[in-house]
Amino acid sequence: MQEILDRLEERRDYQAGEWVARCPAHDDGKPSLWINLKTSGMVGLACRAGCAFEDIVAAIGLLPRHLFNVDPEGLAAVAEARPEPVSPFLTAGLRVWLDSLSAGEEDAAPATSYAQKRFALSAAEQDRLGLRWWPGPQPCPEWVPTSFVRYPRLVVPMADFAGVARGAQGRDLSGRCPGRWISLANPDGFEWQRYGVFPGPDPGAPWVVAEGLSDPLAVVADGYSAVGVRGAALLNNDSPTLDALAAGLAGRDVRVCGDNDRSGREFARTILTALHQRGLQARQLNIPAAFKDYAAWRSERCRTQ
């Protein structure tokens, strides 16, 4: 397995048995290739920009047969069966952990300041969304990965449409972590939610479905509601998550906004197709070509106002 990983550029650990790297099959501006090692010895590859599996394998310099019966060489692997959504016990544990973190107090100033500068979120809005501050190494639950623990972070809860946190991500504030956003590690047999719901200040405002968590936070700062989705490539065959998104967004004015690159366009196409298939009249929100994503666009608008 290590030989396969060594062929990839800008590779980094995502969680046990999973990695992300630059896709060798296209001009990848940021890591968009997802790699996982199954307990059966099969290696999975998925580019969220939509590159064909055969093209990815060829660009790596391998043949499809090289991705079967792979020796893990001591690396962790993921189970073949789809894990269950996090249990009430894990959800309660996540809530306890989030509540133990600083929010808005003086010692949380680095996170508060970053969210104000990067996303233009007021302290009151940050508090309403439950944003937290992780100062760096300290005791924590086993499902907080080492890559998360090592650096100070802005912690963003990922709630469902009922407002219950079922996951979280942390944004590195040190500039030293290879991964800017790090998710929680999936406990054995369970999986943290793949999306987060961020209601805006106006219940009647449109909803914007965006990639990752940076753009949704900027969307809320603009007065709209947002849903942040991680890993569009992972969602292609994820009917439960897509069903949950469609159910939660039913009857709302929905826009879908991807980044201004190939993977962002594929993200928008994936989500729009899924919502349309489920009866929602969602539309695409295009941002000016000069900006890489919604957050950068909003930052420029704030600077020139």
Protein backbone atom coordinates (compact mmCIF):
# COMPACT_ATOMS: atom_id res chain seq x y z
CA MET A 1 0.00 0.00 0.00
CA GLN A 2 2.82 2.37 0.82
CA GLU A 3 4.14 2.08 -2.75
CA ILE A 4 0.77 3.27 -4.12
CA LEU A 5 0.66 6.18 -1.70
CA ASP A 6 4.22 7.21 -2.53
CA ARG A 7 3.19 7.74 -6.17
CA LEU A 8 0.78 10.53 -5.18
CA GLU A 9 1.61 14.20 -4.66
CA GLU A 10 0.54 16.33 -1.68
CA ARG A 11 -0.81 13.25 0.04
CA ARG A 12 -2.08 13.57 3.58
CA ASP A 13 -3.94 11.41 6.07
CA TYR A 14 -7.66 12.03 6.25
CA GLN A 15 -8.64 9.43 8.80
CA ALA A 16 -7.77 5.79 9.48
CA GLY A 17 -7.61 3.95 6.17
CA GLU A 18 -8.34 7.05 4.10
CA TRP A 19 -6.13 9.68 2.41
CA VAL A 20 -6.46 12.65 0.09
CA ALA A 21 -3.97 13.72 -2.58
CA ARG A 22 -3.65 15.69 -5.80
CA CYS A 23 -5.34 13.82 -8.63
CA PRO A 24 -2.72 12.86 -11.24
CA ALA A 25 -5.34 12.63 -14.01
CA HIS A 26 -6.01 16.38 -14.24
CA ASP A 27 -4.41 19.72 -13.36
CA ASP A 28 -5.43 19.56 -9.72
CA GLY A 29 -5.12 22.88 -7.92
CA LYS A 30 -5.82 21.30 -4.54
CA PRO A 31 -6.05 17.68 -3.35
CA SER A 32 -9.28 16.23 -4.78
CA LEU A 33 -8.41 12.53 -4.99
CA TRP A 34 -9.82 10.34 -2.24
CA ILE A 35 -8.00 7.07 -1.50
CA ASN A 36 -9.12 4.33 0.85
CA LEU A 37 -7.87 0.88 1.76
CA LYS A 38 -10.56 -1.73 2.43
CA THR A 39 -10.14 -4.64 4.83
CA SER A 40 -10.44 -6.95 1.78
CA GLY A 41 -7.21 -5.47 0.42
CA MET A 42 -8.93 -3.43 -2.30
CA VAL A 43 -7.84 0.20 -2.83
CA GLY A 44 -10.55 2.67 -3.79
CA LEU A 45 -9.86 5.83 -5.80
CA ALA A 46 -12.38 8.64 -6.44
CA CYS A 47 -11.71 12.08 -7.88
CA ARG A 48 -14.32 14.63 -6.89
CA ALA A 49 -13.60 16.47 -10.16
CA GLY A 50 -15.02 13.48 -12.01
CA CYS A 51 -11.89 11.86 -13.50
CA ALA A 52 -12.48 8.29 -14.69
CA PHE A 53 -11.07 5.50 -12.53
CA GLU A 54 -9.10 4.10 -15.49
CA ASP A 55 -7.47 7.49 -16.14
CA ILE A 56 -6.44 7.87 -12.50
CA VAL A 57 -4.88 4.42 -12.37
CA ALA A 58 -3.02 4.99 -15.64
CA ALA A 59 -1.73 8.38 -14.46
CA ILE A 60 -0.35 6.76 -11.33
CA GLY A 61 1.49 4.27 -13.53
CA LEU A 62 -0.38 1.18 -12.38
CA LEU A 63 -2.90 -1.32 -13.72
CA PRO A 64 -6.33 -1.96 -12.12
CA ARG A 65 -5.13 -5.38 -10.92
CA HIS A 66 -2.56 -3.62 -8.73
CA LEU A 67 -5.39 -2.24 -6.56
CA PHE A 68 -6.63 -5.66 -5.42
CA ASN A 69 -5.20 -7.89 -2.69
CA VAL A 70 -2.99 -5.03 -1.53
CA ASP A 71 -0.80 -5.64 1.52
CA PRO A 72 -1.75 -2.99 4.13
CA GLU A 73 1.82 -3.06 5.53
CA GLY A 74 0.56 -2.15 8.97
CA LEU A 75 -1.73 0.66 7.79
CA ALA A 76 -5.31 0.85 9.00
CA ALA A 77 -8.13 -0.20 6.67
CA VAL A 78 -11.82 0.66 6.44
CA ALA A 79 -14.58 -1.93 6.67
CA GLU A 80 -16.36 -3.04 3.50
CA ALA A 81 -19.85 -2.53 4.92
CA ARG A 82 -21.22 0.99 5.11
CA PRO A 83 -20.94 2.24 8.72
CA GLU A 84 -24.00 3.29 10.68
CA PRO A 85 -24.77 6.96 11.43
CA VAL A 86 -23.32 8.00 14.77
CA SER A 87 -25.27 6.61 17.72
CA PRO A 88 -27.05 8.71 20.37
CA PHE A 89 -24.20 7.83 22.75
CA LEU A 90 -21.63 9.29 20.34
CA THR A 91 -23.81 12.30 19.62
CA ALA A 92 -24.06 12.98 23.34
CA GLY A 93 -20.30 12.58 23.71
CA LEU A 94 -19.73 15.05 20.90
CA ARG A 95 -22.04 17.56 22.58
CA VAL A 96 -20.20 17.23 25.88
CA TRP A 97 -16.85 17.72 24.16
CA LEU A 98 -18.04 20.77 22.19
CA ASP A 99 -19.49 22.32 25.34
CA SER A 100 -16.14 21.88 27.08
CA LEU A 101 -14.40 24.08 24.49
CA SER A 102 -14.12 27.84 24.82
CA ALA A 103 -16.53 30.02 22.87
CA GLY A 104 -16.43 33.80 22.91
CA GLU A 105 -14.35 34.05 26.08
CA GLU A 106 -11.08 35.97 26.15
CA ASP A 107 -8.99 32.81 25.74
CA ALA A 108 -10.94 32.00 22.54
CA ALA A 109 -9.89 35.30 20.96
CA PRO A 110 -7.78 33.70 18.17
CA ALA A 111 -10.76 31.72 16.87
CA THR A 112 -13.19 34.61 17.29
CA SER A 113 -10.84 36.99 15.51
CA TYR A 114 -10.21 34.55 12.66
CA ALA A 115 -13.93 33.94 12.05
CA GLN A 116 -14.59 37.68 12.06
CA LYS A 117 -11.78 38.41 9.62
CA ARG A 118 -12.15 35.38 7.32
CA PHE A 119 -15.94 35.01 7.20
CA ALA A 120 -17.16 38.40 8.51
CA LEU A 121 -19.14 36.62 11.22
CA SER A 122 -19.92 38.76 14.24
CA ALA A 123 -19.27 37.37 17.71
CA ALA A 124 -23.03 37.01 18.18
CA GLU A 125 -23.36 34.98 14.96
CA GLN A 126 -20.43 32.79 15.96
CA ASP A 127 -22.12 32.09 19.27
CA ARG A 128 -25.42 31.30 17.53
CA LEU A 129 -23.68 28.78 15.26
CA GLY A 130 -21.81 27.22 18.19
CA LEU A 131 -18.27 27.92 16.94
CA ARG A 132 -15.54 26.85 19.37
CA TRP A 133 -11.80 27.23 20.03
CA TRP A 134 -9.32 24.35 20.24
CA PRO A 135 -6.02 25.70 21.64
CA GLY A 136 -3.83 22.70 20.82
CA PRO A 137 -2.67 19.42 22.41
CA GLN A 138 -4.71 18.38 25.44
CA PRO A 139 -6.77 15.35 26.50
CA CYS A 140 -9.72 14.63 24.21
CA PRO A 141 -12.03 11.81 23.09
CA GLU A 142 -10.47 9.01 21.03
CA TRP A 143 -12.43 10.06 17.93
CA VAL A 144 -10.52 13.36 17.76
CA PRO A 145 -7.58 12.42 15.48
CA THR A 146 -3.96 13.27 16.20
CA SER A 147 -3.83 15.53 13.14
CA PHE A 148 -6.66 17.57 14.67
CA VAL A 149 -5.26 17.66 18.19
CA ARG A 150 -1.80 18.87 17.27
CA TYR A 151 -2.68 22.41 16.13
CA PRO A 152 -4.92 25.27 17.36
CA ARG A 153 -8.23 25.33 15.48
CA LEU A 154 -11.54 27.04 14.95
CA VAL A 155 -14.02 24.21 15.64
CA VAL A 156 -17.25 24.18 13.64
CA PRO A 157 -20.07 21.82 14.69
CA MET A 158 -21.89 20.07 11.83
CA ALA A 159 -25.55 19.89 12.83
CA ASP A 160 -28.49 18.19 11.15
CA PHE A 161 -31.67 20.02 10.16
CA ALA A 162 -33.02 19.54 13.71
CA GLY A 163 -30.00 21.39 15.12
CA VAL A 164 -28.29 18.34 16.64
CA ALA A 165 -24.49 18.28 16.15
CA ARG A 166 -23.54 15.00 14.46
CA GLY A 167 -20.01 15.87 13.44
CA ALA A 168 -17.46 18.66 13.47
CA GLN A 169 -14.46 19.99 11.62
CA GLY A 170 -11.54 22.08 12.81
CA ARG A 171 -9.79 24.81 10.79
CA ASP A 172 -6.05 25.09 11.46
CA LEU A 173 -5.08 28.57 12.71
CA SER A 174 -1.33 27.97 12.97
CA GLY A 175 -0.51 27.67 9.27
CA ARG A 176 1.59 24.59 10.05
CA CYS A 177 -0.93 21.79 9.58
CA PRO A 178 -0.83 20.09 6.14
CA GLY A 179 -4.65 19.90 6.21
CA ARG A 180 -6.47 23.18 6.73
CA TRP A 181 -9.76 21.50 7.67
CA ILE A 182 -9.68 18.21 9.62
CA SER A 183 -12.72 16.07 10.40
CA LEU A 184 -13.32 13.84 13.39
CA ALA A 185 -12.25 10.21 13.00
CA ASN A 186 -15.10 7.78 12.45
CA PRO A 187 -15.55 5.46 15.45
CA ASP A 188 -15.58 1.73 14.66
CA GLY A 189 -18.78 0.85 12.81
CA PHE A 190 -20.07 4.44 12.77
CA GLU A 191 -19.72 7.51 10.60
CA TRP A 192 -20.01 11.19 11.46
CA GLN A 193 -22.44 13.18 9.36
CA ARG A 194 -21.15 14.31 5.95
CA TYR A 195 -22.90 17.68 5.97
CA GLY A 196 -23.57 20.58 8.33
CA VAL A 197 -26.61 22.86 8.49
CA PHE A 198 -26.07 26.56 9.24
CA PRO A 199 -29.34 28.51 9.53
CA GLY A 200 -29.03 32.20 8.76
CA PRO A 201 -30.53 35.09 10.73
CA ASP A 202 -33.56 35.31 8.39
CA PRO A 203 -35.71 32.13 8.31
CA GLY A 204 -37.24 33.18 4.98
CA ALA A 205 -33.95 33.78 3.17
CA PRO A 206 -32.70 31.40 0.42
CA TRP A 207 -30.58 28.39 1.28
CA VAL A 208 -27.18 27.86 -0.36
CA VAL A 209 -25.59 24.40 -0.56
CA ALA A 210 -21.82 24.83 -0.75
CA GLU A 211 -18.62 22.81 -0.68
CA GLY A 212 -16.81 22.34 2.64
CA LEU A 213 -17.40 24.70 5.58
CA SER A 214 -15.65 27.99 4.67
CA ASP A 215 -18.19 28.97 2.03
CA PRO A 216 -21.27 28.14 4.16
CA LEU A 217 -19.97 30.35 6.99
CA ALA A 218 -19.47 33.22 4.53
CA VAL A 219 -22.98 32.59 3.17
CA VAL A 220 -24.45 32.98 6.66
CA ALA A 221 -22.52 36.24 7.09
CA ASP A 222 -24.35 37.46 3.96
CA GLY A 223 -27.69 36.81 5.67
CA TYR A 224 -28.63 33.52 4.02
CA SER A 225 -28.87 29.97 5.33
CA ALA A 226 -26.36 27.35 4.24
CA VAL A 227 -25.56 23.66 4.07
CA GLY A 228 -21.91 22.62 3.87
CA VAL A 229 -21.18 19.25 2.25
CA ARG A 230 -17.81 17.52 2.47
CA GLY A 231 -16.57 15.15 -0.22
CA ALA A 232 -18.98 15.36 -3.16
CA ALA A 233 -17.27 12.35 -4.72
CA LEU A 234 -18.27 10.35 -1.64
CA LEU A 235 -21.91 11.34 -2.12
CA ASN A 236 -22.47 9.86 -5.58
CA ASN A 237 -23.63 6.56 -4.11
CA ASP A 238 -24.69 7.89 -0.71
CA SER A 239 -28.46 7.80 -0.95
CA PRO A 240 -29.09 8.23 2.82
CA THR A 241 -27.19 11.53 2.93
CA LEU A 242 -28.72 12.80 -0.32
CA ASP A 243 -32.18 11.79 0.91
CA ALA A 244 -31.58 13.70 4.16
CA LEU A 245 -30.48 16.82 2.25
CA ALA A 246 -33.53 16.68 0.00
CA ALA A 247 -35.89 16.17 2.95
CA GLY A 248 -34.37 19.03 4.93
CA LEU A 249 -34.40 21.43 1.99
CA ALA A 250 -37.87 20.55 0.69
CA GLY A 251 -40.07 23.61 0.15
CA ARG A 252 -37.14 26.04 0.39
CA ASP A 253 -35.54 28.35 -2.16
CA VAL A 254 -32.31 26.42 -2.82
CA ARG A 255 -29.13 27.43 -4.67
CA VAL A 256 -26.03 25.26 -5.15
CA CYS A 257 -22.60 26.92 -5.26
CA GLY A 258 -19.35 25.11 -6.06
CA ASP A 259 -15.81 26.46 -6.24
CA ASN A 260 -14.58 28.01 -9.48
CA ASP A 261 -12.60 24.98 -10.61
CA ARG A 262 -13.25 21.61 -12.14
CA SER A 263 -13.95 19.88 -8.85
CA GLY A 264 -16.29 22.70 -7.80
CA ARG A 265 -18.28 22.42 -11.01
CA GLU A 266 -18.54 18.67 -10.51
CA PHE A 267 -19.67 19.26 -6.93
CA ALA A 268 -22.49 21.54 -8.13
CA ARG A 269 -23.52 19.06 -10.82
CA THR A 270 -23.61 16.16 -8.35
CA ILE A 271 -25.73 18.00 -5.79
CA LEU A 272 -28.07 19.60 -8.33
CA THR A 273 -28.69 16.26 -10.04
CA ALA A 274 -29.40 14.55 -6.72
CA LEU A 275 -31.83 17.28 -5.60
CA HIS A 276 -33.63 17.41 -8.96
CA GLN A 277 -34.04 13.63 -8.93
CA ARG A 278 -35.73 13.99 -5.56
CA GLY A 279 -38.17 16.65 -6.75
CA LEU A 280 -36.45 19.86 -5.59
CA GLN A 281 -36.24 22.89 -7.90
CA ALA A 282 -32.71 23.88 -6.94
CA ARG A 283 -30.70 26.35 -9.03
CA GLN A 284 -26.98 26.93 -9.49
CA LEU A 285 -25.36 30.00 -7.96
CA ASN A 286 -22.42 31.15 -10.08
CA ILE A 287 -19.75 33.38 -8.57
CA PRO A 288 -17.56 35.73 -10.66
CA ALA A 289 -14.73 33.96 -12.49
CA ALA A 290 -12.10 36.09 -10.75
CA PHE A 291 -12.78 34.40 -7.40
CA LYS A 292 -11.96 30.83 -6.42
CA ASP A 293 -14.92 30.40 -4.08
CA TYR A 294 -17.78 32.16 -2.30
CA ALA A 295 -15.68 33.07 0.75
CA ALA A 296 -13.06 34.83 -1.43
CA TRP A 297 -15.80 36.64 -3.31
CA ARG A 298 -17.39 37.86 -0.09
CA SER A 299 -14.03 38.92 1.33
CA GLU A 300 -13.41 41.12 -1.70
CA ARG A 301 -16.88 42.65 -1.50
CA CYS A 302 -16.29 43.53 2.17
CA ARG A 303 -12.88 45.03 1.35
CA THR A 304 -14.25 47.36 -1.34
CA GLN A 305 -17.38 48.47 0.51
